[in-house]
Amino acid sequence: RLPSTAAQEDDFAFFRCDACSATFFKVNKTLVERFRHRKKALQSYELLDLLEEICDTMFTKNEFGVKQHEGKKYLFGPGVIDHIPDKGFGQMGMGDYD
């Protein structure tokens, strides 16, 4: 039997990868939309400001949620591969978490 922390880590393996994919999708999309025609490189403070804005405002319950199937949890939303297509989902979490 796996220790509870190892089992829990295994339950969230896809979730962590999905969260990373969703984050880079949002970062790339925003950079392209805002700076596509820019000739000079972004300053480091501009990139940090952009990342803070993305993290503060662009991950909402209206776009992202969690699917649970056969004991595994999967993030779904823009930029995330659907690991269990054609399956319904249950929105996890309670209350207003925006």
PDB file of N, CA and C in Angstrom:
ATOM      1  N   ARG A   1       0.840  -1.184   0.000  1.00  0.00           N
ATOM      2  CA  ARG A   1       0.000   0.000   0.000  1.00  0.00           C
ATOM      3  C   ARG A   1       0.881   1.242   0.000  1.00  0.00           C
ATOM      4  N   LEU A   2       0.499   2.230  -0.807  1.00  0.00           N
ATOM      5  CA  LEU A   2       1.255   3.474  -0.870  1.00  0.00           C
ATOM      6  C   LEU A   2       0.975   4.342   0.352  1.00  0.00           C
ATOM      7  N   PRO A   3       1.984   5.054   0.830  1.00  0.00           N
ATOM      8  CA  PRO A   3       1.714   6.021   1.895  1.00  0.00           C
ATOM      9  C   PRO A   3       0.713   7.058   1.377  1.00  0.00           C
ATOM     10  N   SER A   4      -0.045   7.647   2.270  1.00  0.00           N
ATOM     11  CA  SER A   4      -1.114   8.554   1.854  1.00  0.00           C
ATOM     12  C   SER A   4      -0.594   9.733   1.030  1.00  0.00           C
ATOM     13  N   THR A   5       0.590  10.263   1.323  1.00  0.00           N
ATOM     14  CA  THR A   5       1.106  11.386   0.540  1.00  0.00           C
ATOM     15  C   THR A   5       1.467  10.951  -0.874  1.00  0.00           C
ATOM     16  N   ALA A   6       2.011   9.756  -1.048  1.00  0.00           N
ATOM     17  CA  ALA A   6       2.336   9.268  -2.387  1.00  0.00           C
ATOM     18  C   ALA A   6       1.061   9.031  -3.189  1.00  0.00           C
ATOM     19  N   ALA A   7       0.047   8.473  -2.548  1.00  0.00           N
ATOM     20  CA  ALA A   7      -1.232   8.248  -3.236  1.00  0.00           C
ATOM     21  C   ALA A   7      -1.855   9.580  -3.631  1.00  0.00           C
ATOM     22  N   GLN A   8      -1.796  10.547  -2.735  1.00  0.00           N
ATOM     23  CA  GLN A   8      -2.365  11.866  -3.039  1.00  0.00           C
ATOM     24  C   GLN A   8      -1.610  12.522  -4.185  1.00  0.00           C
ATOM     25  N   GLU A   9      -0.288  12.439  -4.192  1.00  0.00           N
ATOM     26  CA  GLU A   9       0.501  12.999  -5.284  1.00  0.00           C
ATOM     27  C   GLU A   9       0.125  12.341  -6.600  1.00  0.00           C
ATOM     28  N   ASP A  10      -0.088  11.031  -6.598  1.00  0.00           N
ATOM     29  CA  ASP A  10      -0.478  10.324  -7.808  1.00  0.00           C
ATOM     30  C   ASP A  10      -1.849  10.792  -8.294  1.00  0.00           C
ATOM     31  N   ASP A  11      -2.778  11.045  -7.371  1.00  0.00           N
ATOM     32  CA  ASP A  11      -4.113  11.517  -7.737  1.00  0.00           C
ATOM     33  C   ASP A  11      -4.067  12.854  -8.468  1.00  0.00           C
ATOM     34  N   PHE A  12      -3.074  13.664  -8.187  1.00  0.00           N
ATOM     35  CA  PHE A  12      -2.995  15.000  -8.759  1.00  0.00           C
ATOM     36  C   PHE A  12      -1.938  15.140  -9.854  1.00  0.00           C
ATOM     37  N   ALA A  13      -1.375  14.033 -10.332  1.00  0.00           N
ATOM     38  CA  ALA A  13      -0.312  14.108 -11.332  1.00  0.00           C
ATOM     39  C   ALA A  13      -0.775  14.844 -12.583  1.00  0.00           C
ATOM     40  N   PHE A  14      -1.907  14.456 -13.161  1.00  0.00           N
ATOM     41  CA  PHE A  14      -2.413  15.138 -14.346  1.00  0.00           C
ATOM     42  C   PHE A  14      -2.815  16.568 -14.015  1.00  0.00           C
ATOM     43  N   PHE A  15      -3.359  16.765 -12.827  1.00  0.00           N
ATOM     44  CA  PHE A  15      -3.819  18.092 -12.415  1.00  0.00           C
ATOM     45  C   PHE A  15      -2.673  19.099 -12.445  1.00  0.00           C
ATOM     46  N   ARG A  16      -1.514  18.703 -11.925  1.00  0.00           N
ATOM     47  CA  ARG A  16      -0.353  19.612 -11.923  1.00  0.00           C
ATOM     48  C   ARG A  16       0.080  19.944 -13.343  1.00  0.00           C
ATOM     49  N   CYS A  17       0.159  18.937 -14.201  1.00  0.00           N
ATOM     50  CA  CYS A  17       0.545  19.175 -15.599  1.00  0.00           C
ATOM     51  C   CYS A  17      -0.478  20.054 -16.300  1.00  0.00           C
ATOM     52  N   ASP A  18      -1.751  19.822 -16.041  1.00  0.00           N
ATOM     53  CA  ASP A  18      -2.804  20.622 -16.649  1.00  0.00           C
ATOM     54  C   ASP A  18      -2.731  22.074 -16.186  1.00  0.00           C
ATOM     55  N   ALA A  19      -2.450  22.284 -14.921  1.00  0.00           N
ATOM     56  CA  ALA A  19      -2.347  23.649 -14.397  1.00  0.00           C
ATOM     57  C   ALA A  19      -1.190  24.389 -15.064  1.00  0.00           C
ATOM     58  N   CYS A  20      -0.090  23.707 -15.265  1.00  0.00           N
ATOM     59  CA  CYS A  20       1.058  24.309 -15.944  1.00  0.00           C
ATOM     60  C   CYS A  20       0.692  24.638 -17.397  1.00  0.00           C
ATOM     61  N   SER A  21       0.032  23.712 -18.093  1.00  0.00           N
ATOM     62  CA  SER A  21      -0.389  23.953 -19.479  1.00  0.00           C
ATOM     63  C   SER A  21      -1.338  25.142 -19.569  1.00  0.00           C
ATOM     64  N   ALA A  22      -2.290  25.222 -18.658  1.00  0.00           N
ATOM     65  CA  ALA A  22      -3.245  26.333 -18.652  1.00  0.00           C
ATOM     66  C   ALA A  22      -2.529  27.661 -18.412  1.00  0.00           C
ATOM     67  N   THR A  23      -1.559  27.666 -17.514  1.00  0.00           N
ATOM     68  CA  THR A  23      -0.821  28.890 -17.217  1.00  0.00           C
ATOM     69  C   THR A  23      -0.042  29.362 -18.435  1.00  0.00           C
ATOM     70  N   PHE A  24       0.700  28.481 -19.062  1.00  0.00           N
ATOM     71  CA  PHE A  24       1.483  28.892 -20.230  1.00  0.00           C
ATOM     72  C   PHE A  24       0.590  29.273 -21.402  1.00  0.00           C
ATOM     73  N   PHE A  25      -0.562  28.631 -21.533  1.00  0.00           N
ATOM     74  CA  PHE A  25      -1.516  29.017 -22.565  1.00  0.00           C
ATOM     75  C   PHE A  25      -1.949  30.464 -22.348  1.00  0.00           C
ATOM     76  N   LYS A  26      -2.327  30.806 -21.115  1.00  0.00           N
ATOM     77  CA  LYS A  26      -2.767  32.167 -20.803  1.00  0.00           C
ATOM     78  C   LYS A  26      -1.636  33.177 -21.009  1.00  0.00           C
ATOM     79  N   VAL A  27      -0.430  32.838 -20.576  1.00  0.00           N
ATOM     80  CA  VAL A  27       0.710  33.751 -20.731  1.00  0.00           C
ATOM     81  C   VAL A  27       0.998  33.985 -22.215  1.00  0.00           C
ATOM     82  N   ASN A  28       1.084  32.925 -22.991  1.00  0.00           N
ATOM     83  CA  ASN A  28       1.382  33.050 -24.411  1.00  0.00           C
ATOM     84  C   ASN A  28       0.298  33.847 -25.138  1.00  0.00           C
ATOM     85  N   LYS A  29      -0.953  33.516 -24.881  1.00  0.00           N
ATOM     86  CA  LYS A  29      -2.068  34.210 -25.535  1.00  0.00           C
ATOM     87  C   LYS A  29      -2.038  35.704 -25.226  1.00  0.00           C
ATOM     88  N   THR A  30      -1.811  36.047 -23.985  1.00  0.00           N
ATOM     89  CA  THR A  30      -1.794  37.453 -23.581  1.00  0.00           C
ATOM     90  C   THR A  30      -0.601  38.182 -24.192  1.00  0.00           C
ATOM     91  N   LEU A  31       0.568  37.561 -24.180  1.00  0.00           N
ATOM     92  CA  LEU A  31       1.745  38.182 -24.794  1.00  0.00           C
ATOM     93  C   LEU A  31       1.519  38.444 -26.281  1.00  0.00           C
ATOM     94  N   VAL A  32       0.972  37.478 -26.981  1.00  0.00           N
ATOM     95  CA  VAL A  32       0.725  37.636 -28.421  1.00  0.00           C
ATOM     96  C   VAL A  32      -0.306  38.739 -28.671  1.00  0.00           C
ATOM     97  N   GLU A  33      -1.394  38.720 -27.908  1.00  0.00           N
ATOM     98  CA  GLU A  33      -2.439  39.721 -28.105  1.00  0.00           C
ATOM     99  C   GLU A  33      -1.940  41.141 -27.838  1.00  0.00           C
ATOM    100  N   ARG A  34      -1.169  41.324 -26.801  1.00  0.00           N
ATOM    101  CA  ARG A  34      -0.761  42.685 -26.403  1.00  0.00           C
ATOM    102  C   ARG A  34       0.516  43.184 -27.063  1.00  0.00           C
ATOM    103  N   PHE A  35       1.418  42.255 -27.398  1.00  0.00           N
ATOM    104  CA  PHE A  35       2.738  42.700 -27.847  1.00  0.00           C
ATOM    105  C   PHE A  35       3.134  42.147 -29.212  1.00  0.00           C
ATOM    106  N   ARG A  36       2.200  41.678 -29.980  1.00  0.00           N
ATOM    107  CA  ARG A  36       2.475  41.075 -31.283  1.00  0.00           C
ATOM    108  C   ARG A  36       3.234  42.032 -32.209  1.00  0.00           C
ATOM    109  N   HIS A  37       2.890  43.294 -32.194  1.00  0.00           N
ATOM    110  CA  HIS A  37       3.498  44.250 -33.119  1.00  0.00           C
ATOM    111  C   HIS A  37       4.636  45.057 -32.497  1.00  0.00           C
ATOM    112  N   ARG A  38       4.988  44.741 -31.290  1.00  0.00           N
ATOM    113  CA  ARG A  38       6.042  45.481 -30.592  1.00  0.00           C
ATOM    114  C   ARG A  38       7.406  45.114 -31.163  1.00  0.00           C
ATOM    115  N   LYS A  39       8.243  46.115 -31.373  1.00  0.00           N
ATOM    116  CA  LYS A  39       9.574  45.892 -31.962  1.00  0.00           C
ATOM    117  C   LYS A  39      10.642  45.609 -30.907  1.00  0.00           C
ATOM    118  N   LYS A  40      10.518  46.220 -29.729  1.00  0.00           N
ATOM    119  CA  LYS A  40      11.556  46.035 -28.707  1.00  0.00           C
ATOM    120  C   LYS A  40      11.127  45.010 -27.661  1.00  0.00           C
ATOM    121  N   ALA A  41      12.103  44.465 -26.991  1.00  0.00           N
ATOM    122  CA  ALA A  41      11.862  43.436 -25.974  1.00  0.00           C
ATOM    123  C   ALA A  41      11.130  44.027 -24.770  1.00  0.00           C
ATOM    124  N   LEU A  42      10.401  43.187 -24.094  1.00  0.00           N
ATOM    125  CA  LEU A  42       9.733  43.609 -22.858  1.00  0.00           C
ATOM    126  C   LEU A  42      10.764  43.840 -21.769  1.00  0.00           C
ATOM    127  N   GLN A  43      10.506  44.816 -20.959  1.00  0.00           N
ATOM    128  CA  GLN A  43      11.319  45.032 -19.768  1.00  0.00           C
ATOM    129  C   GLN A  43      10.881  44.006 -18.717  1.00  0.00           C
ATOM    130  N   SER A  44      11.770  43.663 -17.813  1.00  0.00           N
ATOM    131  CA  SER A  44      11.439  42.643 -16.811  1.00  0.00           C
ATOM    132  C   SER A  44      10.239  43.055 -15.967  1.00  0.00           C
ATOM    133  N   TYR A  45      10.119  44.342 -15.617  1.00  0.00           N
ATOM    134  CA  TYR A  45       8.988  44.780 -14.805  1.00  0.00           C
ATOM    135  C   TYR A  45       7.676  44.657 -15.586  1.00  0.00           C
ATOM    136  N   GLU A  46       7.719  44.812 -16.917  1.00  0.00           N
ATOM    137  CA  GLU A  46       6.511  44.656 -17.732  1.00  0.00           C
ATOM    138  C   GLU A  46       6.038  43.202 -17.720  1.00  0.00           C
ATOM    139  N   LEU A  47       6.981  42.286 -17.810  1.00  0.00           N
ATOM    140  CA  LEU A  47       6.640  40.874 -17.778  1.00  0.00           C
ATOM    141  C   LEU A  47       6.091  40.486 -16.406  1.00  0.00           C
ATOM    142  N   LEU A  48       6.711  40.963 -15.349  1.00  0.00           N
ATOM    143  CA  LEU A  48       6.220  40.660 -13.996  1.00  0.00           C
ATOM    144  C   LEU A  48       4.817  41.222 -13.784  1.00  0.00           C
ATOM    145  N   ASP A  49       4.581  42.457 -14.237  1.00  0.00           N
ATOM    146  CA  ASP A  49       3.247  43.047 -14.126  1.00  0.00           C
ATOM    147  C   ASP A  49       2.217  42.210 -14.883  1.00  0.00           C
ATOM    148  N   LEU A  50       2.586  41.765 -16.069  1.00  0.00           N
ATOM    149  CA  LEU A  50       1.694  40.946 -16.884  1.00  0.00           C
ATOM    150  C   LEU A  50       1.384  39.617 -16.190  1.00  0.00           C
ATOM    151  N   LEU A  51       2.406  38.967 -15.647  1.00  0.00           N
ATOM    152  CA  LEU A  51       2.196  37.693 -14.949  1.00  0.00           C
ATOM    153  C   LEU A  51       1.297  37.866 -13.728  1.00  0.00           C
ATOM    154  N   GLU A  52       1.499  38.943 -12.983  1.00  0.00           N
ATOM    155  CA  GLU A  52       0.641  39.208 -11.827  1.00  0.00           C
ATOM    156  C   GLU A  52      -0.804  39.417 -12.259  1.00  0.00           C
ATOM    157  N   GLU A  53      -0.996  40.171 -13.335  1.00  0.00           N
ATOM    158  CA  GLU A  53      -2.350  40.408 -13.838  1.00  0.00           C
ATOM    159  C   GLU A  53      -3.009  39.098 -14.270  1.00  0.00           C
ATOM    160  N   ILE A  54      -2.270  38.275 -14.977  1.00  0.00           N
ATOM    161  CA  ILE A  54      -2.812  36.993 -15.424  1.00  0.00           C
ATOM    162  C   ILE A  54      -3.224  36.142 -14.226  1.00  0.00           C
ATOM    163  N   CYS A  55      -2.356  36.022 -13.252  1.00  0.00           N
ATOM    164  CA  CYS A  55      -2.654  35.191 -12.080  1.00  0.00           C
ATOM    165  C   CYS A  55      -3.808  35.761 -11.254  1.00  0.00           C
ATOM    166  N   ASP A  56      -3.914  37.079 -11.194  1.00  0.00           N
ATOM    167  CA  ASP A  56      -4.960  37.711 -10.389  1.00  0.00           C
ATOM    168  C   ASP A  56      -6.331  37.702 -11.057  1.00  0.00           C
ATOM    169  N   THR A  57      -6.379  37.708 -12.387  1.00  0.00           N
ATOM    170  CA  THR A  57      -7.664  37.940 -13.054  1.00  0.00           C
ATOM    171  C   THR A  57      -8.091  36.895 -14.078  1.00  0.00           C
ATOM    172  N   MET A  58      -7.210  36.038 -14.539  1.00  0.00           N
ATOM    173  CA  MET A  58      -7.550  35.204 -15.685  1.00  0.00           C
ATOM    174  C   MET A  58      -7.799  33.733 -15.373  1.00  0.00           C
ATOM    175  N   PHE A  59      -7.800  33.350 -14.126  1.00  0.00           N
ATOM    176  CA  PHE A  59      -8.116  31.969 -13.767  1.00  0.00           C
ATOM    177  C   PHE A  59      -9.385  31.980 -12.928  1.00  0.00           C
ATOM    178  N   THR A  60     -10.520  31.913 -13.604  1.00  0.00           N
ATOM    179  CA  THR A  60     -11.791  32.029 -12.911  1.00  0.00           C
ATOM    180  C   THR A  60     -12.581  30.731 -13.024  1.00  0.00           C
ATOM    181  N   LYS A  61     -13.557  30.594 -12.152  1.00  0.00           N
ATOM    182  CA  LYS A  61     -14.428  29.417 -12.193  1.00  0.00           C
ATOM    183  C   LYS A  61     -15.296  29.408 -13.442  1.00  0.00           C
ATOM    184  N   ASN A  62     -15.376  30.533 -14.146  1.00  0.00           N
ATOM    185  CA  ASN A  62     -16.159  30.576 -15.377  1.00  0.00           C
ATOM    186  C   ASN A  62     -15.430  29.906 -16.533  1.00  0.00           C
ATOM    187  N   GLU A  63     -14.127  29.764 -16.428  1.00  0.00           N
ATOM    188  CA  GLU A  63     -13.329  29.151 -17.492  1.00  0.00           C
ATOM    189  C   GLU A  63     -12.740  27.800 -17.111  1.00  0.00           C
ATOM    190  N   PHE A  64     -12.420  27.616 -15.854  1.00  0.00           N
ATOM    191  CA  PHE A  64     -11.713  26.412 -15.412  1.00  0.00           C
ATOM    192  C   PHE A  64     -12.515  25.656 -14.373  1.00  0.00           C
ATOM    193  N   GLY A  65     -12.296  24.362 -14.352  1.00  0.00           N
ATOM    194  CA  GLY A  65     -12.942  23.510 -13.374  1.00  0.00           C
ATOM    195  C   GLY A  65     -12.164  22.221 -13.247  1.00  0.00           C
ATOM    196  N   VAL A  66     -12.724  21.286 -12.500  1.00  0.00           N
ATOM    197  CA  VAL A  66     -12.058  20.010 -12.254  1.00  0.00           C
ATOM    198  C   VAL A  66     -13.005  18.880 -12.631  1.00  0.00           C
ATOM    199  N   LYS A  67     -12.504  17.947 -13.427  1.00  0.00           N
ATOM    200  CA  LYS A  67     -13.215  16.705 -13.714  1.00  0.00           C
ATOM    201  C   LYS A  67     -12.625  15.634 -12.820  1.00  0.00           C
ATOM    202  N   GLN A  68     -13.472  14.775 -12.335  1.00  0.00           N
ATOM    203  CA  GLN A  68     -12.997  13.635 -11.562  1.00  0.00           C
ATOM    204  C   GLN A  68     -13.526  12.381 -12.236  1.00  0.00           C
ATOM    205  N   HIS A  69     -12.619  11.441 -12.511  1.00  0.00           N
ATOM    206  CA  HIS A  69     -12.999  10.206 -13.188  1.00  0.00           C
ATOM    207  C   HIS A  69     -12.116   9.080 -12.667  1.00  0.00           C
ATOM    208  N   GLU A  70     -12.732   8.031 -12.201  1.00  0.00           N
ATOM    209  CA  GLU A  70     -12.027   6.859 -11.683  1.00  0.00           C
ATOM    210  C   GLU A  70     -10.970   7.229 -10.641  1.00  0.00           C
ATOM    211  N   GLY A  71     -11.336   8.138  -9.755  1.00  0.00           N
ATOM    212  CA  GLY A  71     -10.466   8.513  -8.655  1.00  0.00           C
ATOM    213  C   GLY A  71      -9.368   9.510  -8.989  1.00  0.00           C
ATOM    214  N   LYS A  72      -9.265   9.931 -10.232  1.00  0.00           N
ATOM    215  CA  LYS A  72      -8.247  10.912 -10.631  1.00  0.00           C
ATOM    216  C   LYS A  72      -8.917  12.252 -10.878  1.00  0.00           C
ATOM    217  N   LYS A  73      -8.177  13.327 -10.640  1.00  0.00           N
ATOM    218  CA  LYS A  73      -8.703  14.671 -10.840  1.00  0.00           C
ATOM    219  C   LYS A  73      -7.984  15.326 -12.012  1.00  0.00           C
ATOM    220  N   TYR A  74      -8.768  15.986 -12.873  1.00  0.00           N
ATOM    221  CA  TYR A  74      -8.232  16.612 -14.077  1.00  0.00           C
ATOM    222  C   TYR A  74      -8.760  18.033 -14.180  1.00  0.00           C
ATOM    223  N   LEU A  75      -7.885  18.957 -14.463  1.00  0.00           N
ATOM    224  CA  LEU A  75      -8.288  20.336 -14.713  1.00  0.00           C
ATOM    225  C   LEU A  75      -8.831  20.419 -16.131  1.00  0.00           C
ATOM    226  N   PHE A  76      -9.828  21.246 -16.354  1.00  0.00           N
ATOM    227  CA  PHE A  76     -10.276  21.509 -17.711  1.00  0.00           C
ATOM    228  C   PHE A  76     -10.455  23.004 -17.901  1.00  0.00           C
ATOM    229  N   GLY A  77     -10.266  23.438 -19.126  1.00  0.00           N
ATOM    230  CA  GLY A  77     -10.402  24.841 -19.477  1.00  0.00           C
ATOM    231  C   GLY A  77      -9.487  25.162 -20.645  1.00  0.00           C
ATOM    232  N   PRO A  78      -9.373  26.437 -20.997  1.00  0.00           N
ATOM    233  CA  PRO A  78      -8.548  26.834 -22.146  1.00  0.00           C
ATOM    234  C   PRO A  78      -7.094  26.388 -22.011  1.00  0.00           C
ATOM    235  N   GLY A  79      -6.573  25.773 -23.077  1.00  0.00           N
ATOM    236  CA  GLY A  79      -5.180  25.356 -23.101  1.00  0.00           C
ATOM    237  C   GLY A  79      -4.892  24.021 -22.459  1.00  0.00           C
ATOM    238  N   VAL A  80      -5.931  23.333 -21.998  1.00  0.00           N
ATOM    239  CA  VAL A  80      -5.751  22.061 -21.305  1.00  0.00           C
ATOM    240  C   VAL A  80      -6.311  20.936 -22.174  1.00  0.00           C
ATOM    241  N   ILE A  81      -5.513  19.889 -22.362  1.00  0.00           N
ATOM    242  CA  ILE A  81      -5.963  18.713 -23.109  1.00  0.00           C
ATOM    243  C   ILE A  81      -7.031  17.996 -22.298  1.00  0.00           C
ATOM    244  N   ASP A  82      -8.116  17.624 -22.944  1.00  0.00           N
ATOM    245  CA  ASP A  82      -9.178  16.873 -22.268  1.00  0.00           C
ATOM    246  C   ASP A  82      -8.775  15.399 -22.215  1.00  0.00           C
ATOM    247  N   HIS A  83      -8.408  14.936 -21.036  1.00  0.00           N
ATOM    248  CA  HIS A  83      -7.948  13.560 -20.857  1.00  0.00           C
ATOM    249  C   HIS A  83      -9.081  12.550 -20.890  1.00  0.00           C
ATOM    250  N   ILE A  84     -10.291  13.030 -20.644  1.00  0.00           N
ATOM    251  CA  ILE A  84     -11.437  12.121 -20.610  1.00  0.00           C
ATOM    252  C   ILE A  84     -12.578  12.742 -21.431  1.00  0.00           C
ATOM    253  N   PRO A  85     -12.387  12.814 -22.757  1.00  0.00           N
ATOM    254  CA  PRO A  85     -13.427  13.415 -23.589  1.00  0.00           C
ATOM    255  C   PRO A  85     -14.728  12.618 -23.501  1.00  0.00           C
ATOM    256  N   ASP A  86     -15.799  13.305 -23.762  1.00  0.00           N
ATOM    257  CA  ASP A  86     -17.132  12.702 -23.749  1.00  0.00           C
ATOM    258  C   ASP A  86     -17.576  12.252 -22.361  1.00  0.00           C
ATOM    259  N   LYS A  87     -16.897  12.706 -21.340  1.00  0.00           N
ATOM    260  CA  LYS A  87     -17.316  12.405 -19.974  1.00  0.00           C
ATOM    261  C   LYS A  87     -17.836  13.692 -19.347  1.00  0.00           C
ATOM    262  N   GLY A  88     -18.841  13.569 -18.535  1.00  0.00           N
ATOM    263  CA  GLY A  88     -19.335  14.716 -17.797  1.00  0.00           C
ATOM    264  C   GLY A  88     -18.321  15.140 -16.749  1.00  0.00           C
ATOM    265  N   PHE A  89     -18.661  16.128 -16.008  1.00  0.00           N
ATOM    266  CA  PHE A  89     -17.736  16.575 -14.977  1.00  0.00           C
ATOM    267  C   PHE A  89     -18.510  17.082 -13.779  1.00  0.00           C
ATOM    268  N   GLY A  90     -17.819  17.126 -12.659  1.00  0.00           N
ATOM    269  CA  GLY A  90     -18.355  17.736 -11.455  1.00  0.00           C
ATOM    270  C   GLY A  90     -17.491  18.916 -11.098  1.00  0.00           C
ATOM    271  N   GLN A  91     -18.098  20.042 -10.911  1.00  0.00           N
ATOM    272  CA  GLN A  91     -17.342  21.238 -10.509  1.00  0.00           C
ATOM    273  C   GLN A  91     -17.006  21.079  -9.040  1.00  0.00           C
ATOM    274  N   MET A  92     -15.710  21.097  -8.722  1.00  0.00           N
ATOM    275  CA  MET A  92     -15.285  20.920  -7.344  1.00  0.00           C
ATOM    276  C   MET A  92     -15.021  22.267  -6.709  1.00  0.00           C
ATOM    277  N   GLY A  93     -15.291  22.391  -5.470  1.00  0.00           N
ATOM    278  CA  GLY A  93     -15.064  23.632  -4.747  1.00  0.00           C
ATOM    279  C   GLY A  93     -16.389  24.198  -4.295  1.00  0.00           C
ATOM    280  N   MET A  94     -16.334  25.047  -3.317  1.00  0.00           N
ATOM    281  CA  MET A  94     -17.560  25.618  -2.794  1.00  0.00           C
ATOM    282  C   MET A  94     -17.375  27.107  -2.638  1.00  0.00           C
ATOM    283  N   GLY A  95     -18.433  27.821  -2.804  1.00  0.00           N
ATOM    284  CA  GLY A  95     -18.407  29.246  -2.569  1.00  0.00           C
ATOM    285  C   GLY A  95     -17.817  30.016  -3.732  1.00  0.00           C
ATOM    286  N   ASP A  96     -17.633  31.292  -3.504  1.00  0.00           N
ATOM    287  CA  ASP A  96     -17.098  32.191  -4.524  1.00  0.00           C
ATOM    288  C   ASP A  96     -15.595  32.257  -4.363  1.00  0.00           C
ATOM    289  N   TYR A  97     -14.856  31.672  -5.307  1.00  0.00           N
ATOM    290  CA  TYR A  97     -13.404  31.620  -5.181  1.00  0.00           C
ATOM    291  C   TYR A  97     -12.709  32.396  -6.272  1.00  0.00           C
ATOM    292  N   ASP A  98     -13.380  33.378  -6.858  1.00  0.00           N
ATOM    293  CA  ASP A  98     -12.718  34.245  -7.840  1.00  0.00           C
ATOM    294  C   ASP A  98     -11.777  35.181  -7.138  1.00  0.00           C
TER     295      ASP A  98
END
